[in-house]
């Protein structure tokens, strides 16, 4: 009788530990990153942990592309992760009515910044993003750092 009770207690203990371990895996970084734009209001309230859960490309062009894609999808949380507060505000003020029509048309570097130029295929408008090379260079296990796009200019 004692061995049956011990066996059941051991089984319950193992199940409990396995269940808790499963919870730990389910809340890891893979669950925190959201590639869609399903709930931008919830994403805009992201914490520092959520910002660190996003992988940031280490190449300026790809980094800027991620910002433009997020902006085109009206994904406020990702825009705020990739851009400075000033840039995120300017993008929001500009609006993204034709946000999915921006195409990367070139890049050039000067004084610690890579300038990535985009052209809107619907409106012909030009946008230039300034990406900090230092922020791109400061990498950890999540890639480059957040908020590396610190400048945006629009030309009609």
C-alpha atoms as a PDB file:
ATOM      1  CA  UNK A   1       0.000   0.000   0.000  1.00  0.00           C
ATOM      2  CA  UNK A   2       2.821   2.422   0.885  1.00  0.00           C
ATOM      3  CA  UNK A   3       4.576   1.820  -2.438  1.00  0.00           C
ATOM      4  CA  UNK A   4       1.347   2.540  -4.380  1.00  0.00           C
ATOM      5  CA  UNK A   5       0.953   5.873  -2.589  1.00  0.00           C
ATOM      6  CA  UNK A   6       4.619   6.710  -3.227  1.00  0.00           C
ATOM      7  CA  UNK A   7       4.286   5.811  -6.921  1.00  0.00           C
ATOM      8  CA  UNK A   8       1.177   7.990  -7.313  1.00  0.00           C
ATOM      9  CA  UNK A   9       2.814  10.876  -5.436  1.00  0.00           C
ATOM     10  CA  UNK A  10       5.885  10.581  -7.649  1.00  0.00           C
ATOM     11  CA  UNK A  11       3.729  10.551 -10.793  1.00  0.00           C
ATOM     12  CA  UNK A  12       1.859  13.665  -9.643  1.00  0.00           C
ATOM     13  CA  UNK A  13       5.152  15.389  -8.819  1.00  0.00           C
ATOM     14  CA  UNK A  14       6.600  14.575 -12.247  1.00  0.00           C
ATOM     15  CA  UNK A  15       3.434  15.757 -13.986  1.00  0.00           C
ATOM     16  CA  UNK A  16       3.542  19.011 -12.026  1.00  0.00           C
ATOM     17  CA  UNK A  17       7.181  19.669 -12.914  1.00  0.00           C
ATOM     18  CA  UNK A  18       6.538  18.822 -16.582  1.00  0.00           C
ATOM     19  CA  UNK A  19       3.524  21.143 -16.629  1.00  0.00           C
ATOM     20  CA  UNK A  20       5.497  24.024 -15.129  1.00  0.00           C
ATOM     21  CA  UNK A  21       8.341  23.429 -17.574  1.00  0.00           C
ATOM     22  CA  UNK A  22       5.824  23.541 -20.420  1.00  0.00           C
ATOM     23  CA  UNK A  23       4.575  26.911 -19.194  1.00  0.00           C
ATOM     24  CA  UNK A  24       8.121  28.223 -19.156  1.00  0.00           C
ATOM     25  CA  UNK A  25       8.653  27.138 -22.749  1.00  0.00           C
ATOM     26  CA  UNK A  26       5.335  28.614 -23.892  1.00  0.00           C
ATOM     27  CA  UNK A  27       6.205  32.056 -22.548  1.00  0.00           C
ATOM     28  CA  UNK A  28       9.713  32.237 -24.011  1.00  0.00           C
ATOM     29  CA  UNK A  29      10.933  34.680 -26.666  1.00  0.00           C
ATOM     30  CA  UNK A  30       9.381  32.798 -29.596  1.00  0.00           C
ATOM     31  CA  UNK A  31       5.903  33.545 -28.269  1.00  0.00           C
ATOM     32  CA  UNK A  32       6.627  37.235 -27.658  1.00  0.00           C
ATOM     33  CA  UNK A  33       7.567  38.203 -31.211  1.00  0.00           C
ATOM     34  CA  UNK A  34       4.547  39.017 -33.388  1.00  0.00           C
ATOM     35  CA  UNK A  35       5.033  39.260 -37.132  1.00  0.00           C
ATOM     36  CA  UNK A  36       1.459  40.331 -37.843  1.00  0.00           C
ATOM     37  CA  UNK A  37      -0.495  43.505 -37.255  1.00  0.00           C
ATOM     38  CA  UNK A  38      -3.425  41.902 -35.479  1.00  0.00           C
ATOM     39  CA  UNK A  39      -3.496  44.109 -32.410  1.00  0.00           C
ATOM     40  CA  UNK A  40      -1.460  47.268 -32.698  1.00  0.00           C
ATOM     41  CA  UNK A  41      -3.024  48.892 -29.623  1.00  0.00           C
ATOM     42  CA  UNK A  42      -1.886  46.009 -27.417  1.00  0.00           C
ATOM     43  CA  UNK A  43       1.536  46.082 -29.042  1.00  0.00           C
ATOM     44  CA  UNK A  44       1.952  49.820 -28.462  1.00  0.00           C
ATOM     45  CA  UNK A  45       1.786  49.070 -24.732  1.00  0.00           C
ATOM     46  CA  UNK A  46       4.769  46.718 -25.065  1.00  0.00           C
ATOM     47  CA  UNK A  47       7.219  46.488 -22.201  1.00  0.00           C
ATOM     48  CA  UNK A  48      11.010  46.484 -22.421  1.00  0.00           C
ATOM     49  CA  UNK A  49      10.858  42.686 -22.367  1.00  0.00           C
ATOM     50  CA  UNK A  50       8.648  42.697 -25.468  1.00  0.00           C
ATOM     51  CA  UNK A  51      11.058  45.084 -27.222  1.00  0.00           C
ATOM     52  CA  UNK A  52      13.935  42.736 -26.420  1.00  0.00           C
ATOM     53  CA  UNK A  53      11.924  39.818 -27.831  1.00  0.00           C
ATOM     54  CA  UNK A  54      12.169  41.225 -31.361  1.00  0.00           C
ATOM     55  CA  UNK A  55      15.098  40.196 -33.516  1.00  0.00           C
ATOM     56  CA  UNK A  56      16.711  43.284 -35.041  1.00  0.00           C
ATOM     57  CA  UNK A  57      18.616  42.784 -38.331  1.00  0.00           C
ATOM     58  CA  UNK A  58      22.285  43.776 -38.262  1.00  0.00           C
ATOM     59  CA  UNK A  59      22.271  45.255 -41.779  1.00  0.00           C
ATOM     60  CA  UNK A  60      20.949  48.819 -42.120  1.00  0.00           C
ATOM     61  CA  UNK A  61      18.904  48.094 -45.257  1.00  0.00           C
ATOM     62  CA  UNK A  62      17.143  45.097 -43.739  1.00  0.00           C
ATOM     63  CA  UNK A  63      16.604  46.988 -40.488  1.00  0.00           C
ATOM     64  CA  UNK A  64      14.928  49.878 -42.338  1.00  0.00           C
ATOM     65  CA  UNK A  65      12.906  47.425 -44.449  1.00  0.00           C
ATOM     66  CA  UNK A  66      11.491  45.864 -41.259  1.00  0.00           C
ATOM     67  CA  UNK A  67      10.354  49.304 -40.110  1.00  0.00           C
ATOM     68  CA  UNK A  68       8.713  50.108 -43.466  1.00  0.00           C
ATOM     69  CA  UNK A  69       6.929  46.736 -43.532  1.00  0.00           C
ATOM     70  CA  UNK A  70       5.633  47.258 -39.983  1.00  0.00           C
ATOM     71  CA  UNK A  71       4.481  50.787 -40.823  1.00  0.00           C
ATOM     72  CA  UNK A  72       2.734  49.567 -43.995  1.00  0.00           C
ATOM     73  CA  UNK A  73       0.897  46.943 -41.928  1.00  0.00           C
ATOM     74  CA  UNK A  74      -0.087  49.554 -39.300  1.00  0.00           C
ATOM     75  CA  UNK A  75       1.860  47.574 -36.688  1.00  0.00           C
ATOM     76  CA  UNK A  76       2.484  50.347 -34.174  1.00  0.00           C
ATOM     77  CA  UNK A  77       4.339  48.143 -31.687  1.00  0.00           C
ATOM     78  CA  UNK A  78       6.972  47.089 -34.235  1.00  0.00           C
ATOM     79  CA  UNK A  79       7.287  50.632 -35.598  1.00  0.00           C
ATOM     80  CA  UNK A  80       7.968  51.887 -32.075  1.00  0.00           C
ATOM     81  CA  UNK A  81      10.538  49.125 -31.576  1.00  0.00           C
ATOM     82  CA  UNK A  82      12.527  49.913 -34.740  1.00  0.00           C
ATOM     83  CA  UNK A  83      12.207  53.721 -34.753  1.00  0.00           C
ATOM     84  CA  UNK A  84      12.975  56.544 -32.359  1.00  0.00           C
ATOM     85  CA  UNK A  85       9.972  58.237 -30.762  1.00  0.00           C
ATOM     86  CA  UNK A  86      10.328  61.182 -33.164  1.00  0.00           C
ATOM     87  CA  UNK A  87      10.360  58.951 -36.257  1.00  0.00           C
ATOM     88  CA  UNK A  88       7.430  56.845 -35.017  1.00  0.00           C
ATOM     89  CA  UNK A  89       5.409  60.043 -34.481  1.00  0.00           C
ATOM     90  CA  UNK A  90       6.296  61.426 -37.936  1.00  0.00           C
ATOM     91  CA  UNK A  91       5.300  58.138 -39.582  1.00  0.00           C
ATOM     92  CA  UNK A  92       2.006  58.064 -37.659  1.00  0.00           C
ATOM     93  CA  UNK A  93       1.304  61.719 -38.556  1.00  0.00           C
ATOM     94  CA  UNK A  94       2.084  61.044 -42.219  1.00  0.00           C
ATOM     95  CA  UNK A  95      -0.277  58.076 -42.336  1.00  0.00           C
ATOM     96  CA  UNK A  96       0.173  54.882 -44.305  1.00  0.00           C
ATOM     97  CA  UNK A  97      -2.734  54.918 -46.752  1.00  0.00           C
ATOM     98  CA  UNK A  98      -0.398  53.584 -49.436  1.00  0.00           C
ATOM     99  CA  UNK A  99       1.893  51.976 -46.862  1.00  0.00           C
ATOM    100  CA  UNK A 100       2.342  48.659 -48.621  1.00  0.00           C
ATOM    101  CA  UNK A 101       3.629  50.296 -51.819  1.00  0.00           C
ATOM    102  CA  UNK A 102       7.025  51.508 -50.570  1.00  0.00           C
ATOM    103  CA  UNK A 103      10.007  49.984 -52.380  1.00  0.00           C
ATOM    104  CA  UNK A 104      13.660  50.262 -51.371  1.00  0.00           C
ATOM    105  CA  UNK A 105      15.395  52.277 -54.081  1.00  0.00           C
ATOM    106  CA  UNK A 106      18.910  52.676 -52.702  1.00  0.00           C
ATOM    107  CA  UNK A 107      21.224  53.473 -49.849  1.00  0.00           C
ATOM    108  CA  UNK A 108      24.234  55.623 -49.066  1.00  0.00           C
ATOM    109  CA  UNK A 109      26.273  56.231 -45.960  1.00  0.00           C
ATOM    110  CA  UNK A 110      27.661  59.360 -44.357  1.00  0.00           C
ATOM    111  CA  UNK A 111      28.970  60.305 -40.907  1.00  0.00           C
ATOM    112  CA  UNK A 112      27.850  57.225 -38.994  1.00  0.00           C
ATOM    113  CA  UNK A 113      24.446  56.956 -40.679  1.00  0.00           C
ATOM    114  CA  UNK A 114      23.130  54.818 -43.518  1.00  0.00           C
ATOM    115  CA  UNK A 115      20.388  56.590 -45.459  1.00  0.00           C
ATOM    116  CA  UNK A 116      17.906  54.201 -47.056  1.00  0.00           C
ATOM    117  CA  UNK A 117      15.645  55.677 -49.733  1.00  0.00           C
ATOM    118  CA  UNK A 118      12.176  54.343 -50.588  1.00  0.00           C
ATOM    119  CA  UNK A 119       9.797  55.291 -53.385  1.00  0.00           C
ATOM    120  CA  UNK A 120       6.038  54.773 -53.202  1.00  0.00           C
ATOM    121  CA  UNK A 121       4.918  53.005 -56.385  1.00  0.00           C
ATOM    122  CA  UNK A 122       1.373  54.432 -56.081  1.00  0.00           C
ATOM    123  CA  UNK A 123       2.066  58.083 -55.286  1.00  0.00           C
ATOM    124  CA  UNK A 124       5.661  58.576 -56.478  1.00  0.00           C
ATOM    125  CA  UNK A 125       6.547  60.044 -53.075  1.00  0.00           C
ATOM    126  CA  UNK A 126      10.082  59.533 -51.769  1.00  0.00           C
ATOM    127  CA  UNK A 127      11.010  58.716 -48.164  1.00  0.00           C
ATOM    128  CA  UNK A 128      14.495  58.566 -46.675  1.00  0.00           C
ATOM    129  CA  UNK A 129      15.243  56.821 -43.385  1.00  0.00           C
ATOM    130  CA  UNK A 130      18.419  57.466 -41.381  1.00  0.00           C
ATOM    131  CA  UNK A 131      19.738  54.378 -39.588  1.00  0.00           C
ATOM    132  CA  UNK A 132      22.398  54.765 -36.901  1.00  0.00           C
ATOM    133  CA  UNK A 133      25.404  52.593 -37.729  1.00  0.00           C
ATOM    134  CA  UNK A 134      26.366  52.569 -34.045  1.00  0.00           C
ATOM    135  CA  UNK A 135      22.961  51.184 -33.014  1.00  0.00           C
ATOM    136  CA  UNK A 136      23.227  48.551 -35.749  1.00  0.00           C
ATOM    137  CA  UNK A 137      26.730  47.665 -34.538  1.00  0.00           C
ATOM    138  CA  UNK A 138      25.643  47.308 -30.895  1.00  0.00           C
ATOM    139  CA  UNK A 139      24.373  43.749 -31.115  1.00  0.00           C
ATOM    140  CA  UNK A 140      23.553  41.011 -28.691  1.00  0.00           C
ATOM    141  CA  UNK A 141      21.754  37.687 -29.019  1.00  0.00           C
ATOM    142  CA  UNK A 142      18.745  39.575 -30.448  1.00  0.00           C
ATOM    143  CA  UNK A 143      20.751  41.192 -33.254  1.00  0.00           C
ATOM    144  CA  UNK A 144      21.124  44.955 -33.399  1.00  0.00           C
ATOM    145  CA  UNK A 145      19.544  47.253 -30.837  1.00  0.00           C
ATOM    146  CA  UNK A 146      16.090  48.850 -30.875  1.00  0.00           C
ATOM    147  CA  UNK A 147      15.252  52.375 -32.133  1.00  0.00           C
ATOM    148  CA  UNK A 148      18.099  52.566 -34.682  1.00  0.00           C
ATOM    149  CA  UNK A 149      16.015  54.490 -37.251  1.00  0.00           C
ATOM    150  CA  UNK A 150      16.335  58.021 -35.911  1.00  0.00           C
ATOM    151  CA  UNK A 151      15.461  60.138 -38.938  1.00  0.00           C
ATOM    152  CA  UNK A 152      12.760  60.236 -41.626  1.00  0.00           C
ATOM    153  CA  UNK A 153      12.264  62.711 -44.457  1.00  0.00           C
ATOM    154  CA  UNK A 154       9.475  62.782 -47.059  1.00  0.00           C
ATOM    155  CA  UNK A 155       9.742  64.390 -50.487  1.00  0.00           C
ATOM    156  CA  UNK A 156       6.672  64.748 -52.706  1.00  0.00           C
END
